[in-house]
């Protein structure tokens, strides 16, 4: 399972880089930003279920720590994609307590 989690981490990190690249583009169309947000939210929701299953399965602390790091990445991607959409709609960004500005 550790090998699969390592591959999943690499894939998600690549996906995170792609999302970060897209949200940095000032010319990103609202339609694409909205699709990106929906896709990230779907991925975050799916990962939350995986994390819950891992906790129920009583996997090792090492795997849970890696999964928690991935969950944090999903959270950051979610906020970044939501903020890009809000920016394109003329709304202020969402800020989270404890998050760097």
Protein backbone atom coordinates (compact mmCIF):
# COMPACT_ATOMS: atom_id res chain seq x y z
CA UNK A 1 0.00 0.00 0.00
CA UNK A 2 2.90 2.39 0.69
CA UNK A 3 4.02 2.11 -2.91
CA UNK A 4 0.52 2.92 -4.15
CA UNK A 5 0.29 5.87 -1.76
CA UNK A 6 3.64 7.12 -3.04
CA UNK A 7 2.41 6.97 -6.62
CA UNK A 8 -0.84 8.67 -5.61
CA UNK A 9 1.14 11.40 -3.85
CA UNK A 10 3.24 11.99 -6.98
CA UNK A 11 0.13 12.14 -9.16
CA UNK A 12 -1.63 14.54 -6.78
CA UNK A 13 1.43 16.75 -6.47
CA UNK A 14 1.55 16.97 -10.27
CA UNK A 15 -2.16 17.75 -10.33
CA UNK A 16 -1.62 20.38 -7.65
CA UNK A 17 1.08 22.02 -9.75
CA UNK A 18 -1.26 22.05 -12.75
CA UNK A 19 -4.06 23.65 -10.70
CA UNK A 20 -1.63 26.25 -9.33
CA UNK A 21 -0.48 27.04 -12.88
CA UNK A 22 -4.06 27.50 -14.07
CA UNK A 23 -5.19 29.71 -11.19
CA UNK A 24 -2.17 31.97 -11.75
CA UNK A 25 -3.31 32.75 -15.31
CA UNK A 26 -5.06 36.12 -15.38
CA UNK A 27 -6.75 35.29 -18.70
CA UNK A 28 -8.32 32.04 -17.48
CA UNK A 29 -11.96 32.01 -18.67
CA UNK A 30 -14.63 31.81 -15.95
CA UNK A 31 -16.05 28.65 -17.54
CA UNK A 32 -12.67 26.88 -17.18
CA UNK A 33 -12.20 28.23 -13.63
CA UNK A 34 -15.65 26.93 -12.68
CA UNK A 35 -14.90 23.49 -14.13
CA UNK A 36 -11.56 23.44 -12.33
CA UNK A 37 -13.27 24.28 -9.05
CA UNK A 38 -15.86 21.51 -9.52
CA UNK A 39 -13.15 18.98 -10.39
CA UNK A 40 -11.02 19.92 -7.38
CA UNK A 41 -14.03 19.75 -5.06
CA UNK A 42 -14.93 16.32 -6.42
CA UNK A 43 -11.34 15.12 -5.91
CA UNK A 44 -11.24 16.55 -2.39
CA UNK A 45 -14.51 14.84 -1.50
CA UNK A 46 -13.29 11.52 -2.91
CA UNK A 47 -10.04 11.82 -0.99
CA UNK A 48 -11.93 12.55 2.23
CA UNK A 49 -13.71 9.22 1.80
CA UNK A 50 -10.40 7.44 1.21
CA UNK A 51 -8.92 9.06 4.31
CA UNK A 52 -11.94 8.01 6.36
CA UNK A 53 -11.61 4.44 5.08
CA UNK A 54 -7.92 4.45 5.98
CA UNK A 55 -8.70 5.60 9.51
CA UNK A 56 -11.37 2.90 9.84
CA UNK A 57 -8.91 0.28 8.56
CA UNK A 58 -6.41 1.26 11.23
CA UNK A 59 -3.52 1.73 8.82
CA UNK A 60 -0.06 2.71 10.05
CA UNK A 61 0.65 6.17 11.40
CA UNK A 62 3.14 6.70 8.58
CA UNK A 63 0.44 6.19 5.95
CA UNK A 64 -2.04 8.36 7.84
CA UNK A 65 0.53 11.17 8.04
CA UNK A 66 1.10 10.96 4.29
CA UNK A 67 -2.64 10.90 3.69
CA UNK A 68 -3.11 13.92 5.97
CA UNK A 69 -0.51 15.80 3.92
CA UNK A 70 -2.45 14.97 0.76
CA UNK A 71 -5.69 16.08 2.41
CA UNK A 72 -4.03 19.42 3.23
CA UNK A 73 -3.01 19.75 -0.42
CA UNK A 74 -6.61 19.12 -1.51
CA UNK A 75 -7.77 21.81 0.92
CA UNK A 76 -5.30 24.33 -0.50
CA UNK A 77 -6.28 23.45 -4.07
CA UNK A 78 -9.92 23.89 -3.17
CA UNK A 79 -9.40 27.36 -1.72
CA UNK A 80 -7.13 28.41 -4.61
CA UNK A 81 -9.61 27.29 -7.27
CA UNK A 82 -12.55 28.87 -5.39
CA UNK A 83 -10.63 32.14 -5.08
CA UNK A 84 -9.77 32.17 -8.78
CA UNK A 85 -13.44 31.76 -9.60
CA UNK A 86 -14.38 34.50 -7.12
CA UNK A 87 -11.69 36.79 -8.55
CA UNK A 88 -13.07 36.36 -12.06
CA UNK A 89 -16.56 37.14 -10.75
CA UNK A 90 -15.31 40.31 -9.02
CA UNK A 91 -15.61 39.00 -5.44
CA UNK A 92 -12.97 39.16 -2.69
CA UNK A 93 -10.97 36.01 -1.93
CA UNK A 94 -11.85 33.52 0.76
CA UNK A 95 -9.41 33.67 3.65
CA UNK A 96 -8.91 30.92 6.18
CA UNK A 97 -7.63 31.49 9.69
CA UNK A 98 -4.05 30.38 10.01
CA UNK A 99 -3.54 30.57 6.24
CA UNK A 100 -0.76 32.81 4.92
CA UNK A 101 -2.02 35.86 3.03
